[in-house]
C-alpha atoms as a PDB file:
ATOM      1  CA  MET A   1     102.995  38.754  36.016  1.00  0.00           C
ATOM      2  CA  ALA A   2     103.667  41.500  38.514  1.00  0.00           C
ATOM      3  CA  VAL A   3     105.838  44.350  37.388  1.00  0.00           C
ATOM      4  CA  SER A   4     108.113  45.796  40.024  1.00  0.00           C
ATOM      5  CA  ALA A   5     108.100  49.532  40.445  1.00  0.00           C
ATOM      6  CA  PRO A   6     111.220  51.369  39.322  1.00  0.00           C
ATOM      7  CA  ARG A   7     113.700  51.919  42.105  1.00  0.00           C
ATOM      8  CA  VAL A   8     114.094  55.537  43.081  1.00  0.00           C
ATOM      9  CA  ASP A   9     117.483  56.729  44.242  1.00  0.00           C
ATOM     10  CA  LEU A  10     116.914  58.967  47.265  1.00  0.00           C
ATOM     11  CA  VAL A  11     120.540  59.445  48.230  1.00  0.00           C
ATOM     12  CA  GLY A  12     121.003  62.471  45.986  1.00  0.00           C
ATOM     13  CA  PRO A  13     117.951  64.459  47.209  1.00  0.00           C
ATOM     14  CA  ILE A  14     118.691  63.625  50.859  1.00  0.00           C
ATOM     15  CA  ARG A  15     122.276  64.782  50.500  1.00  0.00           C
ATOM     16  CA  LEU A  16     121.136  67.938  48.731  1.00  0.00           C
ATOM     17  CA  ARG A  17     118.710  68.755  51.552  1.00  0.00           C
ATOM     18  CA  ARG A  18     121.471  68.293  54.108  1.00  0.00           C
ATOM     19  CA  VAL A  19     123.755  70.654  52.195  1.00  0.00           C
ATOM     20  CA  GLN A  20     120.965  73.201  51.896  1.00  0.00           C
ATOM     21  CA  ALA A  21     120.170  72.968  55.617  1.00  0.00           C
ATOM     22  CA  PHE A  22     123.847  73.410  56.493  1.00  0.00           C
ATOM     23  CA  ALA A  23     124.152  76.406  54.163  1.00  0.00           C
ATOM     24  CA  VAL A  24     121.067  78.076  55.648  1.00  0.00           C
ATOM     25  CA  ALA A  25     122.288  77.458  59.217  1.00  0.00           C
ATOM     26  CA  ALA A  26     125.771  78.793  58.395  1.00  0.00           C
ATOM     27  CA  LEU A  27     124.416  81.942  56.740  1.00  0.00           C
ATOM     28  CA  LEU A  28     122.059  82.523  59.663  1.00  0.00           C
ATOM     29  CA  ALA A  29     124.902  82.131  62.173  1.00  0.00           C
ATOM     30  CA  LEU A  30     127.128  84.516  60.225  1.00  0.00           C
ATOM     31  CA  GLY A  31     124.308  87.050  60.030  1.00  0.00           C
ATOM     32  CA  VAL A  32     123.672  86.861  63.769  1.00  0.00           C
ATOM     33  CA  TRP A  33     127.389  87.259  64.458  1.00  0.00           C
ATOM     34  CA  GLN A  34     127.643  90.316  62.225  1.00  0.00           C
ATOM     35  CA  LEU A  35     124.594  91.804  63.940  1.00  0.00           C
ATOM     36  CA  ALA A  36     126.256  91.243  67.313  1.00  0.00           C
ATOM     37  CA  THR A  37     129.291  93.119  65.985  1.00  0.00           C
ATOM     38  CA  PHE A  38     127.187  96.181  65.200  1.00  0.00           C
ATOM     39  CA  VAL A  39     125.293  96.032  68.496  1.00  0.00           C
ATOM     40  CA  SER A  40     128.450  95.676  70.631  1.00  0.00           C
ATOM     41  CA  ASP A  41     130.141  98.733  69.102  1.00  0.00           C
ATOM     42  CA  GLY A  42     133.163  96.717  68.019  1.00  0.00           C
ATOM     43  CA  TRP A  43     133.703  94.621  71.138  1.00  0.00           C
ATOM     44  CA  VAL A  44     132.706  91.550  69.130  1.00  0.00           C
ATOM     45  CA  PRO A  45     135.140  91.233  66.190  1.00  0.00           C
ATOM     46  CA  SER A  46     133.612  91.430  62.740  1.00  0.00           C
ATOM     47  CA  LEU A  47     133.774  88.632  60.201  1.00  0.00           C
ATOM     48  CA  ALA A  48     136.345  90.604  58.203  1.00  0.00           C
ATOM     49  CA  GLU A  49     138.597  90.984  61.258  1.00  0.00           C
ATOM     50  CA  ILE A  50     138.300  87.282  62.066  1.00  0.00           C
ATOM     51  CA  GLY A  51     139.083  86.409  58.450  1.00  0.00           C
ATOM     52  CA  THR A  52     142.197  88.600  58.494  1.00  0.00           C
ATOM     53  CA  ALA A  53     143.368  87.080  61.786  1.00  0.00           C
ATOM     54  CA  PHE A  54     142.615  83.589  60.470  1.00  0.00           C
ATOM     55  CA  THR A  55     144.787  84.188  57.396  1.00  0.00           C
ATOM     56  CA  GLU A  56     147.586  85.623  59.512  1.00  0.00           C
ATOM     57  CA  ASP A  57     147.586  82.773  62.016  1.00  0.00           C
ATOM     58  CA  ALA A  58     147.179  80.093  59.347  1.00  0.00           C
ATOM     59  CA  THR A  59     150.351  81.303  57.629  1.00  0.00           C
ATOM     60  CA  THR A  60     152.411  81.507  60.835  1.00  0.00           C
ATOM     61  CA  PRO A  61     154.663  78.425  61.342  1.00  0.00           C
ATOM     62  CA  SER A  62     154.803  78.857  65.132  1.00  0.00           C
ATOM     63  CA  VAL A  63     151.032  78.298  65.326  1.00  0.00           C
ATOM     64  CA  TYR A  64     151.423  74.777  63.925  1.00  0.00           C
ATOM     65  CA  ALA A  65     154.256  74.086  66.363  1.00  0.00           C
ATOM     66  CA  GLU A  66     151.869  74.946  69.203  1.00  0.00           C
ATOM     67  CA  MET A  67     149.184  72.770  67.638  1.00  0.00           C
ATOM     68  CA  TRP A  68     151.547  69.808  67.478  1.00  0.00           C
ATOM     69  CA  ILE A  69     152.248  70.175  71.211  1.00  0.00           C
ATOM     70  CA  THR A  70     148.511  70.173  71.889  1.00  0.00           C
ATOM     71  CA  PHE A  71     147.871  67.274  69.521  1.00  0.00           C
ATOM     72  CA  ARG A  72     150.562  65.184  71.216  1.00  0.00           C
ATOM     73  CA  ARG A  73     148.889  65.759  74.571  1.00  0.00           C
ATOM     74  CA  ILE A  74     145.530  64.820  73.077  1.00  0.00           C
ATOM     75  CA  LEU A  75     146.943  61.533  71.772  1.00  0.00           C
ATOM     76  CA  ILE A  76     148.412  60.667  75.181  1.00  0.00           C
ATOM     77  CA  ALA A  77     145.189  61.429  77.046  1.00  0.00           C
ATOM     78  CA  PHE A  78     143.065  59.700  74.407  1.00  0.00           C
ATOM     79  CA  ALA A  79     145.215  56.556  74.312  1.00  0.00           C
ATOM     80  CA  GLY A  80     145.378  56.252  78.087  1.00  0.00           C
ATOM     81  CA  ALA A  81     141.672  56.832  78.667  1.00  0.00           C
ATOM     82  CA  THR A  82     140.473  54.530  75.880  1.00  0.00           C
ATOM     83  CA  THR A  83     142.826  51.693  76.854  1.00  0.00           C
ATOM     84  CA  VAL A  84     141.878  51.734  80.524  1.00  0.00           C
ATOM     85  CA  GLY A  85     138.227  52.591  79.897  1.00  0.00           C
ATOM     86  CA  ILE A  86     137.561  49.882  77.307  1.00  0.00           C
ATOM     87  CA  THR A  87     139.359  47.210  79.351  1.00  0.00           C
ATOM     88  CA  LEU A  88     137.508  48.116  82.531  1.00  0.00           C
ATOM     89  CA  GLY A  89     134.190  48.519  80.699  1.00  0.00           C
ATOM     90  CA  VAL A  90     134.378  45.060  79.122  1.00  0.00           C
ATOM     91  CA  ALA A  91     135.356  43.506  82.457  1.00  0.00           C
ATOM     92  CA  MET A  92     132.460  45.223  84.241  1.00  0.00           C
ATOM     93  CA  GLY A  93     130.026  44.165  81.533  1.00  0.00           C
ATOM     94  CA  LEU A  94     131.054  40.517  81.849  1.00  0.00           C
ATOM     95  CA  SER A  95     131.476  40.246  85.632  1.00  0.00           C
ATOM     96  CA  ARG A  96     128.982  41.225  88.317  1.00  0.00           C
ATOM     97  CA  ARG A  97     131.664  41.219  91.002  1.00  0.00           C
ATOM     98  CA  ILE A  98     133.833  43.682  89.107  1.00  0.00           C
ATOM     99  CA  THR A  99     130.750  45.796  88.457  1.00  0.00           C
ATOM    100  CA  ALA A 100     129.836  45.815  92.138  1.00  0.00           C
ATOM    101  CA  PHE A 101     133.326  47.058  93.033  1.00  0.00           C
ATOM    102  CA  PHE A 102     133.889  49.679  90.329  1.00  0.00           C
ATOM    103  CA  ARG A 103     130.335  50.947  89.706  1.00  0.00           C
ATOM    104  CA  PRO A 104     130.295  53.432  92.634  1.00  0.00           C
ATOM    105  CA  ILE A 105     133.698  54.760  91.550  1.00  0.00           C
ATOM    106  CA  VAL A 106     132.514  55.243  87.959  1.00  0.00           C
ATOM    107  CA  VAL A 107     129.314  56.971  89.086  1.00  0.00           C
ATOM    108  CA  LEU A 108     131.337  59.272  91.331  1.00  0.00           C
ATOM    109  CA  GLY A 109     133.731  59.987  88.479  1.00  0.00           C
ATOM    110  CA  LEU A 110     130.865  60.949  86.187  1.00  0.00           C
ATOM    111  CA  ALA A 111     129.465  63.309  88.823  1.00  0.00           C
ATOM    112  CA  VAL A 112     132.729  65.161  89.480  1.00  0.00           C
ATOM    113  CA  PRO A 113     133.119  68.245  87.226  1.00  0.00           C
ATOM    114  CA  ASP A 114     136.122  68.085  84.913  1.00  0.00           C
ATOM    115  CA  PRO A 115     137.800  71.252  86.274  1.00  0.00           C
ATOM    116  CA  VAL A 116     137.907  69.628  89.726  1.00  0.00           C
ATOM    117  CA  TYR A 117     140.238  66.917  88.378  1.00  0.00           C
ATOM    118  CA  ILE A 118     142.531  69.607  86.998  1.00  0.00           C
ATOM    119  CA  ILE A 119     142.543  71.691  90.187  1.00  0.00           C
ATOM    120  CA  VAL A 120     143.188  68.685  92.435  1.00  0.00           C
ATOM    121  CA  ALA A 121     145.980  67.473  90.149  1.00  0.00           C
ATOM    122  CA  ILE A 122     147.614  70.910  90.271  1.00  0.00           C
ATOM    123  CA  LEU A 123     147.380  71.016  94.079  1.00  0.00           C
ATOM    124  CA  VAL A 124     148.750  67.491  94.526  1.00  0.00           C
ATOM    125  CA  LEU A 125     151.188  67.056  91.631  1.00  0.00           C
ATOM    126  CA  GLY A 126     152.042  70.631  90.671  1.00  0.00           C
ATOM    127  CA  THR A 127     151.795  72.370  87.316  1.00  0.00           C
ATOM    128  CA  ASP A 128     153.940  69.931  85.336  1.00  0.00           C
ATOM    129  CA  GLU A 129     152.637  68.543  82.074  1.00  0.00           C
ATOM    130  CA  SER A 130     152.311  65.065  83.575  1.00  0.00           C
ATOM    131  CA  SER A 131     149.870  66.267  86.244  1.00  0.00           C
ATOM    132  CA  GLY A 132     147.534  67.697  83.607  1.00  0.00           C
ATOM    133  CA  LEU A 133     147.694  64.478  81.564  1.00  0.00           C
ATOM    134  CA  ILE A 134     146.872  62.360  84.624  1.00  0.00           C
ATOM    135  CA  ALA A 135     143.919  64.614  85.442  1.00  0.00           C
ATOM    136  CA  MET A 136     142.583  64.376  81.887  1.00  0.00           C
ATOM    137  CA  ILE A 137     142.902  60.596  81.753  1.00  0.00           C
ATOM    138  CA  LEU A 138     141.084  60.223  85.074  1.00  0.00           C
ATOM    139  CA  ALA A 139     138.338  62.579  83.896  1.00  0.00           C
ATOM    140  CA  LEU A 140     137.813  60.714  80.601  1.00  0.00           C
ATOM    141  CA  ILE A 141     137.849  57.126  81.849  1.00  0.00           C
ATOM    142  CA  PRO A 142     134.331  57.153  83.426  1.00  0.00           C
ATOM    143  CA  PHE A 143     132.723  58.278  80.146  1.00  0.00           C
ATOM    144  CA  VAL A 144     134.404  55.482  78.193  1.00  0.00           C
ATOM    145  CA  VAL A 145     133.562  52.888  80.837  1.00  0.00           C
ATOM    146  CA  ASN A 146     129.899  53.896  80.964  1.00  0.00           C
ATOM    147  CA  ILE A 147     129.437  53.573  77.190  1.00  0.00           C
ATOM    148  CA  VAL A 148     131.296  50.258  76.920  1.00  0.00           C
ATOM    149  CA  VAL A 149     129.464  48.700  79.869  1.00  0.00           C
ATOM    150  CA  SER A 150     126.106  49.527  78.294  1.00  0.00           C
ATOM    151  CA  GLY A 151     127.213  47.938  75.010  1.00  0.00           C
ATOM    152  CA  VAL A 152     128.473  44.755  76.648  1.00  0.00           C
ATOM    153  CA  ARG A 153     125.322  44.309  78.738  1.00  0.00           C
ATOM    154  CA  SER A 154     123.081  44.689  75.689  1.00  0.00           C
ATOM    155  CA  ARG A 155     124.744  41.780  73.868  1.00  0.00           C
ATOM    156  CA  ASP A 156     122.741  38.751  72.749  1.00  0.00           C
ATOM    157  CA  ARG A 157     122.744  36.246  75.614  1.00  0.00           C
ATOM    158  CA  GLY A 158     121.845  33.483  73.183  1.00  0.00           C
ATOM    159  CA  LEU A 159     125.271  33.794  71.615  1.00  0.00           C
ATOM    160  CA  ASP A 160     126.809  33.329  75.057  1.00  0.00           C
ATOM    161  CA  GLU A 161     124.918  30.065  75.430  1.00  0.00           C
ATOM    162  CA  MET A 162     125.998  28.998  71.953  1.00  0.00           C
ATOM    163  CA  SER A 163     129.618  29.737  72.887  1.00  0.00           C
ATOM    164  CA  SER A 164     129.263  27.515  75.931  1.00  0.00           C
ATOM    165  CA  VAL A 165     127.746  24.703  73.893  1.00  0.00           C
ATOM    166  CA  TYR A 166     130.556  24.799  71.321  1.00  0.00           C
ATOM    167  CA  ARG A 167     133.123  25.301  74.108  1.00  0.00           C
ATOM    168  CA  LEU A 168     134.768  28.361  72.628  1.00  0.00           C
ATOM    169  CA  GLY A 169     137.948  29.474  74.304  1.00  0.00           C
ATOM    170  CA  ARG A 170     138.007  32.678  76.315  1.00  0.00           C
ATOM    171  CA  ARG A 171     140.064  34.517  73.722  1.00  0.00           C
ATOM    172  CA  ARG A 172     137.891  33.452  70.797  1.00  0.00           C
ATOM    173  CA  TYR A 173     134.745  34.260  72.763  1.00  0.00           C
ATOM    174  CA  LEU A 174     135.938  37.803  73.420  1.00  0.00           C
ATOM    175  CA  THR A 175     137.131  38.463  69.862  1.00  0.00           C
ATOM    176  CA  ASP A 176     134.456  36.688  67.799  1.00  0.00           C
ATOM    177  CA  VAL A 177     131.370  37.000  70.001  1.00  0.00           C
ATOM    178  CA  VAL A 178     131.702  39.947  72.364  1.00  0.00           C
ATOM    179  CA  ALA A 179     133.873  42.276  70.280  1.00  0.00           C
ATOM    180  CA  ARG A 180     131.645  42.112  67.188  1.00  0.00           C
ATOM    181  CA  GLN A 181     128.515  42.848  69.191  1.00  0.00           C
ATOM    182  CA  VAL A 182     129.985  45.780  71.114  1.00  0.00           C
ATOM    183  CA  ALA A 183     131.834  47.261  68.130  1.00  0.00           C
ATOM    184  CA  PRO A 184     129.311  50.154  67.766  1.00  0.00           C
ATOM    185  CA  SER A 185     129.710  50.957  71.462  1.00  0.00           C
ATOM    186  CA  LEU A 186     133.504  50.883  71.148  1.00  0.00           C
ATOM    187  CA  ILE A 187     133.348  53.306  68.218  1.00  0.00           C
ATOM    188  CA  ALA A 188     131.011  55.596  70.167  1.00  0.00           C
ATOM    189  CA  ALA A 189     133.296  55.445  73.208  1.00  0.00           C
ATOM    190  CA  THR A 190     136.410  56.333  71.205  1.00  0.00           C
ATOM    191  CA  ARG A 191     134.660  59.219  69.433  1.00  0.00           C
ATOM    192  CA  THR A 192     133.349  60.565  72.744  1.00  0.00           C
ATOM    193  CA  CYS A 193     136.754  60.244  74.361  1.00  0.00           C
ATOM    194  CA  PHE A 194     138.447  62.068  71.476  1.00  0.00           C
ATOM    195  CA  ALA A 195     135.889  64.887  71.550  1.00  0.00           C
ATOM    196  CA  PHE A 196     136.260  65.399  75.294  1.00  0.00           C
ATOM    197  CA  SER A 197     140.040  64.978  75.289  1.00  0.00           C
ATOM    198  CA  TRP A 198     140.818  67.918  73.032  1.00  0.00           C
ATOM    199  CA  LYS A 199     138.456  70.172  74.966  1.00  0.00           C
ATOM    200  CA  LEU A 200     140.082  69.228  78.263  1.00  0.00           C
ATOM    201  CA  VAL A 201     143.580  69.595  76.825  1.00  0.00           C
ATOM    202  CA  VAL A 202     142.848  73.146  75.689  1.00  0.00           C
ATOM    203  CA  LEU A 203     141.430  73.963  79.133  1.00  0.00           C
ATOM    204  CA  VAL A 204     144.450  72.509  80.943  1.00  0.00           C
ATOM    205  CA  GLU A 205     146.845  74.406  78.680  1.00  0.00           C
ATOM    206  CA  ALA A 206     144.995  77.660  79.293  1.00  0.00           C
ATOM    207  CA  LEU A 207     145.222  77.155  83.068  1.00  0.00           C
ATOM    208  CA  THR A 208     148.640  75.596  83.612  1.00  0.00           C
ATOM    209  CA  GLN A 209     150.868  75.433  80.535  1.00  0.00           C
ATOM    210  CA  PRO A 210     152.941  78.093  78.726  1.00  0.00           C
ATOM    211  CA  ARG A 211     152.881  76.178  75.425  1.00  0.00           C
ATOM    212  CA  GLY A 212     150.079  74.737  73.338  1.00  0.00           C
ATOM    213  CA  ILE A 213     147.123  76.110  71.428  1.00  0.00           C
ATOM    214  CA  GLY A 214     145.106  76.542  74.628  1.00  0.00           C
ATOM    215  CA  ALA A 215     147.857  78.730  76.089  1.00  0.00           C
ATOM    216  CA  GLN A 216     147.933  80.798  72.891  1.00  0.00           C
ATOM    217  CA  ILE A 217     144.152  81.272  72.955  1.00  0.00           C
ATOM    218  CA  TYR A 218     144.353  82.427  76.572  1.00  0.00           C
ATOM    219  CA  LEU A 219     147.251  84.744  75.690  1.00  0.00           C
ATOM    220  CA  SER A 220     145.143  86.347  72.946  1.00  0.00           C
ATOM    221  CA  PHE A 221     142.378  86.808  75.486  1.00  0.00           C
ATOM    222  CA  ARG A 222     144.735  88.536  77.930  1.00  0.00           C
ATOM    223  CA  LEU A 223     146.037  90.802  75.176  1.00  0.00           C
ATOM    224  CA  LEU A 224     142.456  91.748  74.188  1.00  0.00           C
ATOM    225  CA  ARG A 225     142.779  90.205  70.733  1.00  0.00           C
ATOM    226  CA  PRO A 226     139.445  88.382  70.357  1.00  0.00           C
ATOM    227  CA  ASP A 227     139.831  88.098  66.578  1.00  0.00           C
ATOM    228  CA  HIS A 228     143.021  86.034  66.960  1.00  0.00           C
ATOM    229  CA  MET A 229     141.488  84.071  69.820  1.00  0.00           C
ATOM    230  CA  ILE A 230     138.590  83.015  67.597  1.00  0.00           C
ATOM    231  CA  ALA A 231     140.869  82.442  64.604  1.00  0.00           C
ATOM    232  CA  LEU A 232     143.124  80.083  66.575  1.00  0.00           C
ATOM    233  CA  ALA A 233     140.103  78.170  67.824  1.00  0.00           C
ATOM    234  CA  LEU A 234     138.742  77.837  64.271  1.00  0.00           C
ATOM    235  CA  ILE A 235     142.063  76.564  62.898  1.00  0.00           C
ATOM    236  CA  PHE A 236     142.290  74.009  65.676  1.00  0.00           C
ATOM    237  CA  ILE A 237     138.691  72.861  65.191  1.00  0.00           C
ATOM    238  CA  LEU A 238     139.201  72.438  61.439  1.00  0.00           C
ATOM    239  CA  LEU A 239     142.347  70.411  62.045  1.00  0.00           C
ATOM    240  CA  LEU A 240     140.604  68.063  64.475  1.00  0.00           C
ATOM    241  CA  ARG A 241     137.611  67.690  62.180  1.00  0.00           C
ATOM    242  CA  ALA A 242     140.023  66.677  59.422  1.00  0.00           C
ATOM    243  CA  VAL A 243     141.637  64.113  61.726  1.00  0.00           C
ATOM    244  CA  GLU A 244     138.228  62.719  62.657  1.00  0.00           C
ATOM    245  CA  GLY A 245     137.177  62.476  59.024  1.00  0.00           C
ATOM    246  CA  LEU A 246     140.431  60.881  57.862  1.00  0.00           C
ATOM    247  CA  VAL A 247     140.897  58.485  60.785  1.00  0.00           C
ATOM    248  CA  PHE A 248     137.688  57.751  62.680  1.00  0.00           C
ATOM    249  CA  ALA A 249     135.277  57.654  59.734  1.00  0.00           C
ATOM    250  CA  PRO A 250     137.235  55.029  57.705  1.00  0.00           C
ATOM    251  CA  VAL A 251     137.848  52.935  60.818  1.00  0.00           C
ATOM    252  CA  GLU A 252     134.146  53.056  61.677  1.00  0.00           C
ATOM    253  CA  ARG A 253     133.132  51.969  58.170  1.00  0.00           C
ATOM    254  CA  ARG A 254     135.606  49.094  58.229  1.00  0.00           C
ATOM    255  CA  VAL A 255     134.721  47.876  61.723  1.00  0.00           C
ATOM    256  CA  LEU A 256     130.964  48.036  61.127  1.00  0.00           C
ATOM    257  CA  ALA A 257     131.092  46.690  57.559  1.00  0.00           C
ATOM    258  CA  TRP A 258     130.171  43.173  58.674  1.00  0.00           C
END
């Protein structure tokens, strides 16, 4: 009678190695930054100065009011780009005619630098908030479409034939056959869109808007306050990482659980 070998749990050691690697990388980055502070004769703010500015900004209520303005713009750009991008991406993945029409536009959109969208929107629509949101949505849509199209085209064609044999309706085919197969691509598209949206929002605010965290970062730059500029960026990054961990990670686990 064969005796099975005892099962070894590798999750703990793997997680420990990841924590150790992150700690080493963080300490190395902090050391390099502190060295740059000494070499630059104070032009690069020290870790102590950044920590003081971080504490000051983190305890200032007006900073969170600016962050809410930025976060609202991120949600608008993210929702618009994902809705249009996923719809168009699924349609292009299922139809050759739609692909033939929209593919050159998507390729052109991917090739155009993001600041060009912003500059053209300012020239055509002015410096209103709506012009920046339109520019961001147009800049994000090609990335979402490209990811979704690749996911739809890589689906199992045998399931399409099975759907035809069992005469599944169009709605059930899209929800039960296509959607489950392209779920990883949809998650990747939404994560990519969210990551790009907040970067573009901060850039648009720095260039065109008087309110928002991007405008405050640019104001700190103009006032030669690099410690507060970095502190504001760190607070904003931590907030968005928390949103990603609390929203995207649970949704991803639930969608991909099957």
